[in-house]
Amino acid sequence: MIPHQFRIHVVLIVVCIFIIIFPILSERPDAQKAEKATAAAMEFLHLIDAEQYAESWQIAADLMKEKVNKQEWIEQLTRARTLSGALVERSEEEVSYSTTAKDSPDGEYISLTFASKYQRAESVTEFVTVMLEDGHWKVAGYFIQ
C-alpha cells in the first residue's frame, strides 16, 4: 500500500503521463483512414511525377482548387520540377491526423511527410495534406521544402 502522504504524488504522475500521451495518440489516424489517405496522396504524387499536373489538380480537393487555379498550379509545378529534376526516391516519414487545418474549415485531415530525393535536389521534404471530402480522401495541400 502506498503511504497516504505519497498518494497525491502518484495521482499527479498518472495525470502528467496522460497529458503527455493522449495528444500523441489522438494525432494518429486509425489504420483504415491512414491507408486510404496515403493511397490518395500517392495517386496524386504519381501524377505529378509523370508531369500530369492538370490531372493532379483535377483530382485535388475543392479547397485546394479554390486557393490555386489550374493554370497557376501547372506553372508552379513545371517551374519546380525544372529546377529539381525527376524523382529518384521517396519514402514516407510521418502521418498525423487532425480535425483542423490552418485557413481551412474544420473536417478530417491527414498530413503526410515524405523524404524525397530528386536528380538535382538531394534532400527534399514533401508535405501532403489530405482531407475527407464527400466521403473520399483528396489532396488539399502540397508543399515542397
C-alpha atoms as a PDB file:
ATOM      1  CA  MET A   1       0.000   0.000   0.000  1.00  0.00           C
ATOM      2  CA  ILE A   2       1.211   3.487  -0.829  1.00  0.00           C
ATOM      3  CA  PRO A   3       1.605   5.721   2.221  1.00  0.00           C
ATOM      4  CA  HIS A   4      -1.048   8.417   2.472  1.00  0.00           C
ATOM      5  CA  GLN A   5       1.433  11.297   2.066  1.00  0.00           C
ATOM      6  CA  PHE A   6       2.619   9.941  -1.327  1.00  0.00           C
ATOM      7  CA  ARG A   7      -0.781   9.181  -2.889  1.00  0.00           C
ATOM      8  CA  ILE A   8      -1.105  12.689  -4.330  1.00  0.00           C
ATOM      9  CA  HIS A   9       2.285  12.217  -5.997  1.00  0.00           C
ATOM     10  CA  VAL A  10       1.122   9.032  -7.677  1.00  0.00           C
ATOM     11  CA  VAL A  11      -2.063  10.731  -8.874  1.00  0.00           C
ATOM     12  CA  LEU A  12      -0.078  13.679 -10.251  1.00  0.00           C
ATOM     13  CA  ILE A  13       2.347  11.381 -12.061  1.00  0.00           C
ATOM     14  CA  VAL A  14      -0.526   9.470 -13.672  1.00  0.00           C
ATOM     15  CA  VAL A  15      -2.208  12.730 -14.728  1.00  0.00           C
ATOM     16  CA  CYS A  16       1.065  14.046 -16.208  1.00  0.00           C
ATOM     17  CA  ILE A  17       1.596  10.857 -18.182  1.00  0.00           C
ATOM     18  CA  PHE A  18      -1.965  11.085 -19.517  1.00  0.00           C
ATOM     19  CA  ILE A  19      -1.464  14.744 -20.503  1.00  0.00           C
ATOM     20  CA  ILE A  20       1.685  13.828 -22.436  1.00  0.00           C
ATOM     21  CA  ILE A  21       0.481  10.608 -24.082  1.00  0.00           C
ATOM     22  CA  PHE A  22      -3.131  11.464 -25.006  1.00  0.00           C
ATOM     23  CA  PRO A  23      -2.335  14.194 -27.581  1.00  0.00           C
ATOM     24  CA  ILE A  24       0.217  11.941 -29.245  1.00  0.00           C
ATOM     25  CA  LEU A  25      -2.282   9.098 -29.547  1.00  0.00           C
ATOM     26  CA  SER A  26      -5.106  11.336 -30.762  1.00  0.00           C
ATOM     27  CA  GLU A  27      -2.927  12.663 -33.612  1.00  0.00           C
ATOM     28  CA  ARG A  28      -2.597   9.227 -35.144  1.00  0.00           C
ATOM     29  CA  PRO A  29      -5.277   8.286 -37.667  1.00  0.00           C
ATOM     30  CA  ASP A  30      -6.836   4.867 -37.489  1.00  0.00           C
ATOM     31  CA  ALA A  31      -5.259   2.359 -39.872  1.00  0.00           C
ATOM     32  CA  GLN A  32      -8.084   2.343 -42.440  1.00  0.00           C
ATOM     33  CA  LYS A  33      -8.188   6.144 -42.720  1.00  0.00           C
ATOM     34  CA  ALA A  34      -4.399   6.344 -42.959  1.00  0.00           C
ATOM     35  CA  GLU A  35      -4.339   3.691 -45.680  1.00  0.00           C
ATOM     36  CA  LYS A  36      -6.985   5.432 -47.792  1.00  0.00           C
ATOM     37  CA  ALA A  37      -5.438   8.870 -47.307  1.00  0.00           C
ATOM     38  CA  THR A  38      -1.990   7.550 -48.208  1.00  0.00           C
ATOM     39  CA  ALA A  39      -3.392   5.920 -51.346  1.00  0.00           C
ATOM     40  CA  ALA A  40      -4.968   9.262 -52.380  1.00  0.00           C
ATOM     41  CA  ALA A  41      -1.690  11.089 -51.717  1.00  0.00           C
ATOM     42  CA  MET A  42       0.324   8.533 -53.689  1.00  0.00           C
ATOM     43  CA  GLU A  43      -2.054   8.708 -56.661  1.00  0.00           C
ATOM     44  CA  PHE A  44      -1.664  12.492 -56.614  1.00  0.00           C
ATOM     45  CA  LEU A  45       2.132  12.299 -56.333  1.00  0.00           C
ATOM     46  CA  HIS A  46       2.380   9.745 -59.152  1.00  0.00           C
ATOM     47  CA  LEU A  47       0.512  12.146 -61.428  1.00  0.00           C
ATOM     48  CA  ILE A  48       2.942  14.912 -60.518  1.00  0.00           C
ATOM     49  CA  ASP A  49       5.918  12.590 -61.040  1.00  0.00           C
ATOM     50  CA  ALA A  50       4.537  11.764 -64.502  1.00  0.00           C
ATOM     51  CA  GLU A  51       4.253  15.521 -65.201  1.00  0.00           C
ATOM     52  CA  GLN A  52       0.463  15.213 -65.404  1.00  0.00           C
ATOM     53  CA  TYR A  53      -0.041  18.443 -63.487  1.00  0.00           C
ATOM     54  CA  ALA A  54      -3.504  19.253 -64.850  1.00  0.00           C
ATOM     55  CA  GLU A  55      -4.735  15.792 -63.856  1.00  0.00           C
ATOM     56  CA  SER A  56      -3.290  16.181 -60.353  1.00  0.00           C
ATOM     57  CA  TRP A  57      -5.163  19.470 -59.958  1.00  0.00           C
ATOM     58  CA  GLN A  58      -8.349  17.818 -61.256  1.00  0.00           C
ATOM     59  CA  ILE A  59      -8.359  15.101 -58.562  1.00  0.00           C
ATOM     60  CA  ALA A  60      -7.478  17.543 -55.756  1.00  0.00           C
ATOM     61  CA  ALA A  61      -9.944  18.681 -53.098  1.00  0.00           C
ATOM     62  CA  ASP A  62     -12.132  21.685 -53.858  1.00  0.00           C
ATOM     63  CA  LEU A  63     -10.324  23.519 -51.052  1.00  0.00           C
ATOM     64  CA  MET A  64      -7.058  23.381 -52.999  1.00  0.00           C
ATOM     65  CA  LYS A  65      -8.749  24.320 -56.256  1.00  0.00           C
ATOM     66  CA  GLU A  66     -10.191  27.420 -54.575  1.00  0.00           C
ATOM     67  CA  LYS A  67      -6.730  28.537 -53.460  1.00  0.00           C
ATOM     68  CA  VAL A  68      -4.794  27.824 -56.670  1.00  0.00           C
ATOM     69  CA  ASN A  69      -6.285  27.880 -60.145  1.00  0.00           C
ATOM     70  CA  LYS A  70      -5.362  25.205 -62.660  1.00  0.00           C
ATOM     71  CA  GLN A  71      -3.023  27.367 -64.762  1.00  0.00           C
ATOM     72  CA  GLU A  72      -1.091  28.627 -61.720  1.00  0.00           C
ATOM     73  CA  TRP A  73      -0.775  25.051 -60.470  1.00  0.00           C
ATOM     74  CA  ILE A  74       0.656  23.840 -63.770  1.00  0.00           C
ATOM     75  CA  GLU A  75       3.105  26.761 -63.963  1.00  0.00           C
ATOM     76  CA  GLN A  76       4.309  26.351 -60.364  1.00  0.00           C
ATOM     77  CA  LEU A  77       4.891  22.615 -60.697  1.00  0.00           C
ATOM     78  CA  THR A  78       6.570  22.961 -64.086  1.00  0.00           C
ATOM     79  CA  ARG A  79       8.968  25.528 -62.605  1.00  0.00           C
ATOM     80  CA  ALA A  80       9.652  23.402 -59.503  1.00  0.00           C
ATOM     81  CA  ARG A  81      10.276  20.207 -61.473  1.00  0.00           C
ATOM     82  CA  THR A  82      12.523  22.014 -63.945  1.00  0.00           C
ATOM     83  CA  LEU A  83      14.732  23.027 -61.011  1.00  0.00           C
ATOM     84  CA  SER A  84      14.643  19.703 -59.140  1.00  0.00           C
ATOM     85  CA  GLY A  85      14.606  17.203 -61.986  1.00  0.00           C
ATOM     86  CA  ALA A  86      12.888  13.824 -61.899  1.00  0.00           C
ATOM     87  CA  LEU A  87      12.116  11.908 -58.719  1.00  0.00           C
ATOM     88  CA  VAL A  88      14.804   9.440 -57.666  1.00  0.00           C
ATOM     89  CA  GLU A  89      13.203   8.128 -54.474  1.00  0.00           C
ATOM     90  CA  ARG A  90      10.516   8.970 -51.922  1.00  0.00           C
ATOM     91  CA  SER A  91       9.804   7.473 -48.516  1.00  0.00           C
ATOM     92  CA  GLU A  92       7.008   8.210 -46.087  1.00  0.00           C
ATOM     93  CA  GLU A  93       8.280   9.622 -42.826  1.00  0.00           C
ATOM     94  CA  GLU A  94       5.285  10.748 -40.801  1.00  0.00           C
ATOM     95  CA  VAL A  95       1.496  10.588 -40.739  1.00  0.00           C
ATOM     96  CA  SER A  96      -0.680  12.684 -38.437  1.00  0.00           C
ATOM     97  CA  TYR A  97      -4.403  13.261 -38.016  1.00  0.00           C
ATOM     98  CA  SER A  98      -6.281  16.451 -37.182  1.00  0.00           C
ATOM     99  CA  THR A  99      -9.776  17.875 -37.326  1.00  0.00           C
ATOM    100  CA  THR A 100      -8.478  21.379 -38.014  1.00  0.00           C
ATOM    101  CA  ALA A 101      -6.098  22.936 -40.534  1.00  0.00           C
ATOM    102  CA  LYS A 102      -4.810  26.473 -40.910  1.00  0.00           C
ATOM    103  CA  ASP A 103      -7.032  28.700 -43.061  1.00  0.00           C
ATOM    104  CA  SER A 104      -9.392  25.763 -43.693  1.00  0.00           C
ATOM    105  CA  PRO A 105     -12.770  24.624 -42.411  1.00  0.00           C
ATOM    106  CA  ASP A 106     -12.971  22.010 -39.682  1.00  0.00           C
ATOM    107  CA  GLY A 107     -13.001  18.466 -41.026  1.00  0.00           C
ATOM    108  CA  GLU A 108     -10.820  15.377 -41.145  1.00  0.00           C
ATOM    109  CA  TYR A 109      -7.246  15.958 -42.282  1.00  0.00           C
ATOM    110  CA  ILE A 110      -4.306  13.613 -42.569  1.00  0.00           C
ATOM    111  CA  SER A 111      -0.895  15.129 -43.098  1.00  0.00           C
ATOM    112  CA  LEU A 112       1.844  13.046 -44.656  1.00  0.00           C
ATOM    113  CA  THR A 113       5.519  13.919 -44.769  1.00  0.00           C
ATOM    114  CA  PHE A 114       7.850  12.346 -47.306  1.00  0.00           C
ATOM    115  CA  ALA A 115      11.647  12.418 -47.511  1.00  0.00           C
ATOM    116  CA  SER A 116      12.411  12.666 -51.218  1.00  0.00           C
ATOM    117  CA  LYS A 117      15.406  12.776 -53.495  1.00  0.00           C
ATOM    118  CA  TYR A 118      15.388  14.314 -56.975  1.00  0.00           C
ATOM    119  CA  GLN A 119      18.007  14.406 -59.717  1.00  0.00           C
ATOM    120  CA  ARG A 120      19.108  17.942 -58.859  1.00  0.00           C
ATOM    121  CA  ALA A 121      17.807  18.152 -55.282  1.00  0.00           C
ATOM    122  CA  GLU A 122      19.272  15.621 -52.890  1.00  0.00           C
ATOM    123  CA  SER A 123      17.238  16.346 -49.761  1.00  0.00           C
ATOM    124  CA  VAL A 124      13.633  17.430 -50.222  1.00  0.00           C
ATOM    125  CA  THR A 125      10.735  17.217 -47.789  1.00  0.00           C
ATOM    126  CA  GLU A 126       7.281  16.937 -49.339  1.00  0.00           C
ATOM    127  CA  PHE A 127       4.210  17.734 -47.260  1.00  0.00           C
ATOM    128  CA  VAL A 128       0.859  16.411 -48.468  1.00  0.00           C
ATOM    129  CA  THR A 129      -2.371  17.241 -46.651  1.00  0.00           C
ATOM    130  CA  VAL A 130      -5.304  15.011 -47.485  1.00  0.00           C
ATOM    131  CA  MET A 131      -8.857  15.811 -46.407  1.00  0.00           C
ATOM    132  CA  LEU A 132     -12.093  13.855 -46.339  1.00  0.00           C
ATOM    133  CA  GLU A 133     -14.402  15.449 -48.918  1.00  0.00           C
ATOM    134  CA  ASP A 134     -17.779  13.935 -49.772  1.00  0.00           C
ATOM    135  CA  GLY A 135     -16.675  10.575 -48.360  1.00  0.00           C
ATOM    136  CA  HIS A 136     -13.414  10.460 -50.354  1.00  0.00           C
ATOM    137  CA  TRP A 137      -9.867  11.364 -49.356  1.00  0.00           C
ATOM    138  CA  LYS A 138      -8.480  14.108 -51.606  1.00  0.00           C
ATOM    139  CA  VAL A 139      -5.320  16.195 -51.549  1.00  0.00           C
ATOM    140  CA  ALA A 140      -5.955  19.655 -50.092  1.00  0.00           C
ATOM    141  CA  GLY A 141      -2.346  20.830 -49.989  1.00  0.00           C
ATOM    142  CA  TYR A 142       1.075  20.031 -51.398  1.00  0.00           C
ATOM    143  CA  PHE A 143       4.235  21.809 -50.300  1.00  0.00           C
ATOM    144  CA  ILE A 144       7.909  21.209 -51.005  1.00  0.00           C
ATOM    145  CA  GLN A 145      10.752  22.238 -48.753  1.00  0.00           C
END
